[in-house]
PDB file of all heavy atoms in Angstrom:
ATOM      1  N   VAL A   1      -8.962  11.091   5.087  1.00  0.00           N
ATOM      2  CA  VAL A   1     -10.321  11.361   4.702  1.00  0.00           C
ATOM      3  C   VAL A   1     -10.471  11.669   3.205  1.00  0.00           C
ATOM      4  O   VAL A   1      -9.494  12.015   2.573  1.00  0.00           O
ATOM      5  CB  VAL A   1     -10.881  12.548   5.526  1.00  0.00           C
ATOM      6  CG1 VAL A   1     -10.842  12.275   7.021  1.00  0.00           C
ATOM      7  CG2 VAL A   1     -10.177  13.859   5.203  1.00  0.00           C
ATOM      8  N   GLY A   2     -11.677  11.508   2.682  1.00  0.00           N
ATOM      9  CA  GLY A   2     -11.967  11.789   1.305  1.00  0.00           C
ATOM     10  C   GLY A   2     -13.169  10.996   0.888  1.00  0.00           C
ATOM     11  O   GLY A   2     -13.626  10.121   1.574  1.00  0.00           O
ATOM     12  N   GLU A   3     -13.650  11.333  -0.305  1.00  0.00           N
ATOM     13  CA  GLU A   3     -14.815  10.631  -0.867  1.00  0.00           C
ATOM     14  C   GLU A   3     -14.467   9.173  -1.217  1.00  0.00           C
ATOM     15  O   GLU A   3     -13.288   8.840  -1.345  1.00  0.00           O
ATOM     16  CB  GLU A   3     -15.328  11.314  -2.110  1.00  0.00           C
ATOM     17  CG  GLU A   3     -15.921  12.699  -1.912  1.00  0.00           C
ATOM     18  CD  GLU A   3     -16.153  13.434  -3.211  1.00  0.00           C
ATOM     19  OE1 GLU A   3     -15.154  14.019  -3.701  1.00  0.00           O
ATOM     20  OE2 GLU A   3     -17.300  13.443  -3.688  1.00  0.00           O
ATOM     21  N   SER A   4     -15.486   8.361  -1.409  1.00  0.00           N
ATOM     22  CA  SER A   4     -15.278   6.992  -1.890  1.00  0.00           C
ATOM     23  C   SER A   4     -14.579   7.043  -3.201  1.00  0.00           C
ATOM     24  O   SER A   4     -14.891   7.816  -4.102  1.00  0.00           O
ATOM     25  CB  SER A   4     -16.597   6.248  -2.040  1.00  0.00           C
ATOM     26  OG  SER A   4     -17.267   6.144  -0.846  1.00  0.00           O
ATOM     27  N   GLY A   5     -13.544   6.176  -3.346  1.00  0.00           N
ATOM     28  CA  GLY A   5     -12.790   6.065  -4.639  1.00  0.00           C
ATOM     29  C   GLY A   5     -11.607   6.995  -4.715  1.00  0.00           C
ATOM     30  O   GLY A   5     -10.928   7.059  -5.695  1.00  0.00           O
ATOM     31  N   CYS A   6     -11.282   7.678  -3.565  1.00  0.00           N
ATOM     32  CA  CYS A   6     -10.157   8.599  -3.598  1.00  0.00           C
ATOM     33  C   CYS A   6      -8.814   7.931  -3.362  1.00  0.00           C
ATOM     34  O   CYS A   6      -7.795   8.571  -3.566  1.00  0.00           O
ATOM     35  CB  CYS A   6     -10.357   9.784  -2.633  1.00  0.00           C
ATOM     36  SG  CYS A   6     -10.160   9.307  -0.894  1.00  0.00           S
ATOM     37  N   GLY A   7      -8.798   6.699  -2.878  1.00  0.00           N
ATOM     38  CA  GLY A   7      -7.522   6.029  -2.672  1.00  0.00           C
ATOM     39  C   GLY A   7      -7.192   5.683  -1.173  1.00  0.00           C
ATOM     40  O   GLY A   7      -6.114   5.167  -0.893  1.00  0.00           O
ATOM     41  N   LYS A   8      -8.130   5.993  -0.286  1.00  0.00           N
ATOM     42  CA  LYS A   8      -7.847   5.793   1.109  1.00  0.00           C
ATOM     43  C   LYS A   8      -7.582   4.319   1.488  1.00  0.00           C
ATOM     44  O   LYS A   8      -6.591   4.002   2.046  1.00  0.00           O
ATOM     45  CB  LYS A   8      -9.027   6.330   2.014  1.00  0.00           C
ATOM     46  CG  LYS A   8      -9.457   7.743   1.725  1.00  0.00           C
ATOM     47  CD  LYS A   8     -10.530   8.163   2.721  1.00  0.00           C
ATOM     48  CE  LYS A   8     -11.792   7.321   2.738  1.00  0.00           C
ATOM     49  NZ  LYS A   8     -12.552   7.362   1.426  1.00  0.00           N
ATOM     50  N   SER A   9      -8.529   3.473   1.075  1.00  0.00           N
ATOM     51  CA  SER A   9      -8.425   2.039   1.440  1.00  0.00           C
ATOM     52  C   SER A   9      -7.265   1.423   0.657  1.00  0.00           C
ATOM     53  O   SER A   9      -6.626   0.524   1.253  1.00  0.00           O
ATOM     54  CB  SER A   9      -9.746   1.330   1.112  1.00  0.00           C
ATOM     55  OG  SER A   9     -10.795   1.790   1.963  1.00  0.00           O
ATOM     56  N   VAL A  10      -7.028   1.825  -0.553  1.00  0.00           N
ATOM     57  CA  VAL A  10      -5.888   1.280  -1.314  1.00  0.00           C
ATOM     58  C   VAL A  10      -4.593   1.621  -0.613  1.00  0.00           C
ATOM     59  O   VAL A  10      -3.607   0.828  -0.563  1.00  0.00           O
ATOM     60  CB  VAL A  10      -5.912   1.767  -2.783  1.00  0.00           C
ATOM     61  CG1 VAL A  10      -4.629   1.268  -3.482  1.00  0.00           C
ATOM     62  CG2 VAL A  10      -7.127   1.259  -3.463  1.00  0.00           C
ATOM     63  N   THR A  11      -4.483   2.830  -0.029  1.00  0.00           N
ATOM     64  CA  THR A  11      -3.287   3.213   0.739  1.00  0.00           C
ATOM     65  C   THR A  11      -3.110   2.268   1.890  1.00  0.00           C
ATOM     66  O   THR A  11      -1.965   1.788   2.156  1.00  0.00           O
ATOM     67  CB  THR A  11      -3.433   4.673   1.227  1.00  0.00           C
ATOM     68  OG1 THR A  11      -3.549   5.573   0.074  1.00  0.00           O
ATOM     69  CG2 THR A  11      -2.219   5.106   2.030  1.00  0.00           C
ATOM     70  N   ALA A  12      -4.184   1.995   2.618  1.00  0.00           N
ATOM     71  CA  ALA A  12      -4.117   1.093   3.766  1.00  0.00           C
ATOM     72  C   ALA A  12      -3.721  -0.335   3.358  1.00  0.00           C
ATOM     73  O   ALA A  12      -2.854  -0.942   4.016  1.00  0.00           O
ATOM     74  CB  ALA A  12      -5.420   1.100   4.547  1.00  0.00           C
ATOM     75  N   LEU A  13      -4.350  -0.796   2.313  1.00  0.00           N
ATOM     76  CA  LEU A  13      -3.975  -2.180   1.836  1.00  0.00           C
ATOM     77  C   LEU A  13      -2.582  -2.296   1.321  1.00  0.00           C
ATOM     78  O   LEU A  13      -1.951  -3.310   1.403  1.00  0.00           O
ATOM     79  CB  LEU A  13      -4.991  -2.557   0.739  1.00  0.00           C
ATOM     80  CG  LEU A  13      -6.433  -2.797   1.267  1.00  0.00           C
ATOM     81  CD1 LEU A  13      -7.361  -3.044   0.024  1.00  0.00           C
ATOM     82  CD2 LEU A  13      -6.524  -3.984   2.174  1.00  0.00           C
ATOM     83  N   SER A  14      -2.059  -1.143   0.823  1.00  0.00           N
ATOM     84  CA  SER A  14      -0.671  -1.144   0.350  1.00  0.00           C
ATOM     85  C   SER A  14       0.280  -1.251   1.583  1.00  0.00           C
ATOM     86  O   SER A  14       1.281  -1.949   1.519  1.00  0.00           O
ATOM     87  CB  SER A  14      -0.343   0.189  -0.364  1.00  0.00           C
ATOM     88  OG  SER A  14      -1.126   0.266  -1.574  1.00  0.00           O
ATOM     89  N   VAL A  15      -0.080  -0.521   2.682  1.00  0.00           N
ATOM     90  CA  VAL A  15       0.756  -0.648   3.893  1.00  0.00           C
ATOM     91  C   VAL A  15       0.727  -2.097   4.428  1.00  0.00           C
ATOM     92  O   VAL A  15       1.767  -2.583   4.849  1.00  0.00           O
ATOM     93  CB  VAL A  15       0.187   0.287   4.988  1.00  0.00           C
ATOM     94  CG1 VAL A  15       0.873   0.028   6.326  1.00  0.00           C
ATOM     95  CG2 VAL A  15       0.372   1.752   4.557  1.00  0.00           C
ATOM     96  N   MET A  16      -0.414  -2.745   4.305  1.00  0.00           N
ATOM     97  CA  MET A  16      -0.516  -4.135   4.769  1.00  0.00           C
ATOM     98  C   MET A  16       0.026  -5.133   3.729  1.00  0.00           C
ATOM     99  O   MET A  16       0.064  -6.333   4.006  1.00  0.00           O
ATOM    100  CB  MET A  16      -1.953  -4.484   5.084  1.00  0.00           C
ATOM    101  CG  MET A  16      -2.577  -3.667   6.183  1.00  0.00           C
ATOM    102  SD  MET A  16      -1.917  -4.118   7.770  1.00  0.00           S
ATOM    103  CE  MET A  16      -2.743  -5.639   8.113  1.00  0.00           C
ATOM    104  N   ARG A  17       0.330  -4.617   2.554  1.00  0.00           N
ATOM    105  CA  ARG A  17       0.747  -5.485   1.393  1.00  0.00           C
ATOM    106  C   ARG A  17      -0.331  -6.520   1.073  1.00  0.00           C
ATOM    107  O   ARG A  17      -0.037  -7.681   0.867  1.00  0.00           O
ATOM    108  CB  ARG A  17       2.120  -6.133   1.649  1.00  0.00           C
ATOM    109  CG  ARG A  17       3.253  -5.259   1.145  1.00  0.00           C
ATOM    110  CD  ARG A  17       4.567  -5.820   1.262  1.00  0.00           C
ATOM    111  NE  ARG A  17       4.734  -7.178   0.823  1.00  0.00           N
ATOM    112  CZ  ARG A  17       5.815  -7.959   1.005  1.00  0.00           C
ATOM    113  NH1 ARG A  17       6.843  -7.448   1.621  1.00  0.00           N
ATOM    114  NH2 ARG A  17       5.864  -9.189   0.545  1.00  0.00           N
ATOM    115  N   LEU A  18      -1.588  -6.024   0.979  1.00  0.00           N
ATOM    116  CA  LEU A  18      -2.660  -6.903   0.676  1.00  0.00           C
ATOM    117  C   LEU A  18      -3.313  -6.503  -0.657  1.00  0.00           C
ATOM    118  O   LEU A  18      -4.464  -6.856  -0.924  1.00  0.00           O
ATOM    119  CB  LEU A  18      -3.704  -6.850   1.789  1.00  0.00           C
ATOM    120  CG  LEU A  18      -3.286  -7.503   3.098  1.00  0.00           C
ATOM    121  CD1 LEU A  18      -4.368  -7.257   4.184  1.00  0.00           C
ATOM    122  CD2 LEU A  18      -3.078  -9.018   2.920  1.00  0.00           C
ATOM    123  N   ILE A  19      -2.585  -5.765  -1.498  1.00  0.00           N
ATOM    124  CA  ILE A  19      -3.101  -5.387  -2.810  1.00  0.00           C
ATOM    125  C   ILE A  19      -3.260  -6.672  -3.678  1.00  0.00           C
ATOM    126  O   ILE A  19      -2.235  -7.394  -3.850  1.00  0.00           O
ATOM    127  CB  ILE A  19      -2.165  -4.387  -3.501  1.00  0.00           C
ATOM    128  CG1 ILE A  19      -2.091  -3.093  -2.716  1.00  0.00           C
ATOM    129  CG2 ILE A  19      -2.630  -4.105  -4.949  1.00  0.00           C
ATOM    130  CD1 ILE A  19      -3.429  -2.333  -2.618  1.00  0.00           C
ATOM    131  N   PRO A  20      -4.419  -6.944  -4.229  1.00  0.00           N
ATOM    132  CA  PRO A  20      -4.579  -8.151  -5.107  1.00  0.00           C
ATOM    133  C   PRO A  20      -3.755  -7.966  -6.350  1.00  0.00           C
ATOM    134  O   PRO A  20      -3.850  -7.037  -7.096  1.00  0.00           O
ATOM    135  CB  PRO A  20      -6.076  -8.188  -5.414  1.00  0.00           C
ATOM    136  CG  PRO A  20      -6.535  -6.764  -5.197  1.00  0.00           C
ATOM    137  CD  PRO A  20      -5.681  -6.195  -4.124  1.00  0.00           C
ATOM    138  N   SER A  21      -2.865  -8.983  -6.619  1.00  0.00           N
ATOM    139  CA  SER A  21      -1.963  -8.954  -7.778  1.00  0.00           C
ATOM    140  C   SER A  21      -2.024 -10.216  -8.527  1.00  0.00           C
ATOM    141  O   SER A  21      -1.683 -11.285  -7.971  1.00  0.00           O
ATOM    142  CB  SER A  21      -0.558  -8.644  -7.294  1.00  0.00           C
ATOM    143  OG  SER A  21       0.390  -8.623  -8.381  1.00  0.00           O
ATOM    144  N   PRO A  22      -2.360 -10.231  -9.843  1.00  0.00           N
ATOM    145  CA  PRO A  22      -2.865  -9.055 -10.535  1.00  0.00           C
ATOM    146  C   PRO A  22      -4.271  -8.750 -10.128  1.00  0.00           C
ATOM    147  O   PRO A  22      -4.903  -9.549  -9.455  1.00  0.00           O
ATOM    148  CB  PRO A  22      -2.764  -9.488 -12.037  1.00  0.00           C
ATOM    149  CG  PRO A  22      -2.962 -10.968 -11.971  1.00  0.00           C
ATOM    150  CD  PRO A  22      -2.269 -11.404 -10.700  1.00  0.00           C
ATOM    151  N   PRO A  23      -4.824  -7.588 -10.460  1.00  0.00           N
ATOM    152  CA  PRO A  23      -4.325  -6.517 -11.397  1.00  0.00           C
ATOM    153  C   PRO A  23      -3.538  -5.447 -10.645  1.00  0.00           C
ATOM    154  O   PRO A  23      -2.924  -4.589 -11.297  1.00  0.00           O
ATOM    155  CB  PRO A  23      -5.549  -5.949 -11.992  1.00  0.00           C
ATOM    156  CG  PRO A  23      -6.592  -6.019 -10.882  1.00  0.00           C
ATOM    157  CD  PRO A  23      -6.242  -7.324 -10.080  1.00  0.00           C
ATOM    158  N   GLY A  24      -3.491  -5.427  -9.300  1.00  0.00           N
ATOM    159  CA  GLY A  24      -2.859  -4.334  -8.581  1.00  0.00           C
ATOM    160  C   GLY A  24      -1.378  -4.569  -8.453  1.00  0.00           C
ATOM    161  O   GLY A  24      -0.851  -5.679  -8.434  1.00  0.00           O
ATOM    162  N   LYS A  25      -0.665  -3.424  -8.350  1.00  0.00           N
ATOM    163  CA  LYS A  25       0.763  -3.502  -8.125  1.00  0.00           C
ATOM    164  C   LYS A  25       1.243  -2.226  -7.454  1.00  0.00           C
ATOM    165  O   LYS A  25       0.873  -1.113  -7.886  1.00  0.00           O
ATOM    166  CB  LYS A  25       1.506  -3.663  -9.454  1.00  0.00           C
ATOM    167  CG  LYS A  25       3.011  -3.802  -9.350  1.00  0.00           C
ATOM    168  CD  LYS A  25       3.716  -3.860 -10.722  1.00  0.00           C
ATOM    169  CE  LYS A  25       5.216  -3.892 -10.569  1.00  0.00           C
ATOM    170  NZ  LYS A  25       5.871  -3.898 -11.914  1.00  0.00           N
ATOM    171  N   ILE A  26       2.070  -2.383  -6.406  1.00  0.00           N
ATOM    172  CA  ILE A  26       2.713  -1.208  -5.821  1.00  0.00           C
ATOM    173  C   ILE A  26       3.877  -0.849  -6.682  1.00  0.00           C
ATOM    174  O   ILE A  26       4.859  -1.577  -6.836  1.00  0.00           O
ATOM    175  CB  ILE A  26       3.199  -1.555  -4.374  1.00  0.00           C
ATOM    176  CG1 ILE A  26       2.016  -1.870  -3.495  1.00  0.00           C
ATOM    177  CG2 ILE A  26       4.014  -0.353  -3.799  1.00  0.00           C
ATOM    178  CD1 ILE A  26       2.398  -2.315  -2.062  1.00  0.00           C
ATOM    179  N   GLU A  27       3.775   0.279  -7.413  1.00  0.00           N
ATOM    180  CA  GLU A  27       4.716   0.635  -8.427  1.00  0.00           C
ATOM    181  C   GLU A  27       5.982   1.195  -7.913  1.00  0.00           C
ATOM    182  O   GLU A  27       7.059   0.982  -8.478  1.00  0.00           O
ATOM    183  CB  GLU A  27       4.046   1.657  -9.405  1.00  0.00           C
ATOM    184  CG  GLU A  27       2.769   1.167 -10.114  1.00  0.00           C
ATOM    185  CD  GLU A  27       3.081   0.208 -11.219  1.00  0.00           C
ATOM    186  OE1 GLU A  27       4.197   0.189 -11.733  1.00  0.00           O
ATOM    187  OE2 GLU A  27       2.166  -0.564 -11.603  1.00  0.00           O
ATOM    188  N   SER A  28       5.887   2.017  -6.818  1.00  0.00           N
ATOM    189  CA  SER A  28       7.093   2.679  -6.309  1.00  0.00           C
ATOM    190  C   SER A  28       6.822   3.122  -4.908  1.00  0.00           C
ATOM    191  O   SER A  28       5.694   3.144  -4.420  1.00  0.00           O
ATOM    192  CB  SER A  28       7.506   3.819  -7.201  1.00  0.00           C
ATOM    193  OG  SER A  28       6.451   4.783  -7.287  1.00  0.00           O
ATOM    194  N   GLY A  29       7.877   3.540  -4.225  1.00  0.00           N
ATOM    195  CA  GLY A  29       7.782   4.072  -2.872  1.00  0.00           C
ATOM    196  C   GLY A  29       8.421   3.283  -1.813  1.00  0.00           C
ATOM    197  O   GLY A  29       8.926   2.155  -2.092  1.00  0.00           O
ATOM    198  N   LYS A  30       8.343   3.737  -0.618  1.00  0.00           N
ATOM    199  CA  LYS A  30       8.859   3.050   0.558  1.00  0.00           C
ATOM    200  C   LYS A  30       7.782   3.064   1.667  1.00  0.00           C
ATOM    201  O   LYS A  30       7.074   4.081   1.800  1.00  0.00           O
ATOM    202  CB  LYS A  30      10.153   3.723   1.126  1.00  0.00           C
ATOM    203  CG  LYS A  30      11.332   3.595   0.177  1.00  0.00           C
ATOM    204  CD  LYS A  30      12.511   4.369   0.717  1.00  0.00           C
ATOM    205  CE  LYS A  30      13.045   3.777   1.996  1.00  0.00           C
ATOM    206  NZ  LYS A  30      14.274   4.494   2.477  1.00  0.00           N
ATOM    207  N   ILE A  31       7.641   2.000   2.409  1.00  0.00           N
ATOM    208  CA  ILE A  31       6.784   1.952   3.576  1.00  0.00           C
ATOM    209  C   ILE A  31       7.628   1.453   4.744  1.00  0.00           C
ATOM    210  O   ILE A  31       7.913   0.256   4.852  1.00  0.00           O
ATOM    211  CB  ILE A  31       5.552   1.013   3.314  1.00  0.00           C
ATOM    212  CG1 ILE A  31       4.760   1.468   2.119  1.00  0.00           C
ATOM    213  CG2 ILE A  31       4.690   1.008   4.515  1.00  0.00           C
ATOM    214  CD1 ILE A  31       3.680   0.461   1.695  1.00  0.00           C
ATOM    215  N   VAL A  32       8.067   2.370   5.547  1.00  0.00           N
ATOM    216  CA  VAL A  32       8.998   2.044   6.649  1.00  0.00           C
ATOM    217  C   VAL A  32       8.246   1.997   7.927  1.00  0.00           C
ATOM    218  O   VAL A  32       7.591   2.941   8.346  1.00  0.00           O
ATOM    219  CB  VAL A  32      10.149   3.101   6.762  1.00  0.00           C
ATOM    220  CG1 VAL A  32      11.047   2.759   7.911  1.00  0.00           C
ATOM    221  CG2 VAL A  32      10.896   3.216   5.431  1.00  0.00           C
ATOM    222  N   PHE A  33       8.262   0.804   8.568  1.00  0.00           N
ATOM    223  CA  PHE A  33       7.584   0.577   9.852  1.00  0.00           C
ATOM    224  C   PHE A  33       8.668   0.071  10.830  1.00  0.00           C
ATOM    225  O   PHE A  33       9.249  -1.007  10.589  1.00  0.00           O
ATOM    226  CB  PHE A  33       6.461  -0.466   9.653  1.00  0.00           C
ATOM    227  CG  PHE A  33       5.761  -0.814  10.941  1.00  0.00           C
ATOM    228  CD1 PHE A  33       4.784   0.001  11.463  1.00  0.00           C
ATOM    229  CD2 PHE A  33       6.052  -1.984  11.584  1.00  0.00           C
ATOM    230  CE1 PHE A  33       4.166  -0.294  12.642  1.00  0.00           C
ATOM    231  CE2 PHE A  33       5.457  -2.336  12.793  1.00  0.00           C
ATOM    232  CZ  PHE A  33       4.440  -1.442  13.318  1.00  0.00           C
ATOM    233  N   SER A  34       8.817   0.781  11.907  1.00  0.00           N
ATOM    234  CA  SER A  34       9.818   0.439  12.909  1.00  0.00           C
ATOM    235  C   SER A  34      11.161   0.132  12.281  1.00  0.00           C
ATOM    236  O   SER A  34      11.798  -0.917  12.517  1.00  0.00           O
ATOM    237  CB  SER A  34       9.322  -0.770  13.714  1.00  0.00           C
ATOM    238  OG  SER A  34       8.224  -0.404  14.518  1.00  0.00           O
ATOM    239  N   ASP A  35      11.634   1.029  11.411  1.00  0.00           N
ATOM    240  CA  ASP A  35      12.919   0.919  10.725  1.00  0.00           C
ATOM    241  C   ASP A  35      13.032  -0.213   9.717  1.00  0.00           C
ATOM    242  O   ASP A  35      14.146  -0.536   9.285  1.00  0.00           O
ATOM    243  CB  ASP A  35      14.038   0.804  11.772  1.00  0.00           C
ATOM    244  CG  ASP A  35      14.132   1.964  12.735  1.00  0.00           C
ATOM    245  OD1 ASP A  35      13.893   3.088  12.258  1.00  0.00           O
ATOM    246  OD2 ASP A  35      14.339   1.762  13.911  1.00  0.00           O
ATOM    247  N   ARG A  36      11.914  -0.819   9.352  1.00  0.00           N
ATOM    248  CA  ARG A  36      11.944  -1.879   8.332  1.00  0.00           C
ATOM    249  C   ARG A  36      11.097  -1.449   7.140  1.00  0.00           C
ATOM    250  O   ARG A  36       9.970  -0.964   7.299  1.00  0.00           O
ATOM    251  CB  ARG A  36      11.371  -3.176   8.823  1.00  0.00           C
ATOM    252  CG  ARG A  36      12.222  -3.878   9.911  1.00  0.00           C
ATOM    253  CD  ARG A  36      11.450  -5.070  10.494  1.00  0.00           C
ATOM    254  NE  ARG A  36      10.268  -4.643  11.220  1.00  0.00           N
ATOM    255  CZ  ARG A  36       9.346  -5.498  11.690  1.00  0.00           C
ATOM    256  NH1 ARG A  36       9.480  -6.826  11.492  1.00  0.00           N
ATOM    257  NH2 ARG A  36       8.331  -5.061  12.359  1.00  0.00           N
ATOM    258  N   ASP A  37      11.636  -1.523   5.907  1.00  0.00           N
ATOM    259  CA  ASP A  37      10.878  -1.238   4.748  1.00  0.00           C
ATOM    260  C   ASP A  37      10.011  -2.449   4.417  1.00  0.00           C
ATOM    261  O   ASP A  37      10.523  -3.512   4.017  1.00  0.00           O
ATOM    262  CB  ASP A  37      11.821  -0.906   3.534  1.00  0.00           C
ATOM    263  CG  ASP A  37      11.028  -0.439   2.315  1.00  0.00           C
ATOM    264  OD1 ASP A  37       9.767  -0.539   2.337  1.00  0.00           O
ATOM    265  OD2 ASP A  37      11.652   0.037   1.338  1.00  0.00           O
ATOM    266  N   LEU A  38       8.715  -2.326   4.658  1.00  0.00           N
ATOM    267  CA  LEU A  38       7.798  -3.481   4.457  1.00  0.00           C
ATOM    268  C   LEU A  38       7.775  -3.974   3.007  1.00  0.00           C
ATOM    269  O   LEU A  38       7.491  -5.133   2.784  1.00  0.00           O
ATOM    270  CB  LEU A  38       6.357  -3.040   4.835  1.00  0.00           C
ATOM    271  CG  LEU A  38       6.200  -2.619   6.304  1.00  0.00           C
ATOM    272  CD1 LEU A  38       4.698  -2.338   6.591  1.00  0.00           C
ATOM    273  CD2 LEU A  38       6.762  -3.654   7.290  1.00  0.00           C
ATOM    274  N   LEU A  39       8.126  -3.089   2.059  1.00  0.00           N
ATOM    275  CA  LEU A  39       8.130  -3.551   0.661  1.00  0.00           C
ATOM    276  C   LEU A  39       9.274  -4.449   0.305  1.00  0.00           C
ATOM    277  O   LEU A  39       9.280  -5.098  -0.772  1.00  0.00           O
ATOM    278  CB  LEU A  39       8.071  -2.310  -0.263  1.00  0.00           C
ATOM    279  CG  LEU A  39       6.870  -1.396  -0.130  1.00  0.00           C
ATOM    280  CD1 LEU A  39       6.952  -0.297  -1.169  1.00  0.00           C
ATOM    281  CD2 LEU A  39       5.562  -2.185  -0.254  1.00  0.00           C
ATOM    282  N   THR A  40      10.252  -4.540   1.186  1.00  0.00           N
ATOM    283  CA  THR A  40      11.400  -5.414   0.898  1.00  0.00           C
ATOM    284  C   THR A  40      11.385  -6.724   1.733  1.00  0.00           C
ATOM    285  O   THR A  40      12.204  -7.584   1.513  1.00  0.00           O
ATOM    286  CB  THR A  40      12.741  -4.657   1.258  1.00  0.00           C
ATOM    287  OG1 THR A  40      12.771  -4.444   2.703  1.00  0.00           O
ATOM    288  CG2 THR A  40      12.827  -3.355   0.544  1.00  0.00           C
ATOM    289  N   LEU A  41      10.333  -6.872   2.550  1.00  0.00           N
ATOM    290  CA  LEU A  41      10.245  -8.085   3.398  1.00  0.00           C
ATOM    291  C   LEU A  41       9.711  -9.264   2.580  1.00  0.00           C
ATOM    292  O   LEU A  41       8.913  -9.092   1.631  1.00  0.00           O
ATOM    293  CB  LEU A  41       9.323  -7.865   4.576  1.00  0.00           C
ATOM    294  CG  LEU A  41       9.747  -6.832   5.621  1.00  0.00           C
ATOM    295  CD1 LEU A  41       8.735  -6.879   6.782  1.00  0.00           C
ATOM    296  CD2 LEU A  41      11.130  -7.092   6.177  1.00  0.00           C
TER     297      LEU A  41
END
């Protein structure tokens, strides 16, 4: 939860790896789903 513009939807799109690139970029972190890091797939 949070106000519009707080980063909620960007967090969800990052999990789905649907961030438009450019200009967006997942800079760092891990997203582990069922023992798989989605950022490495």
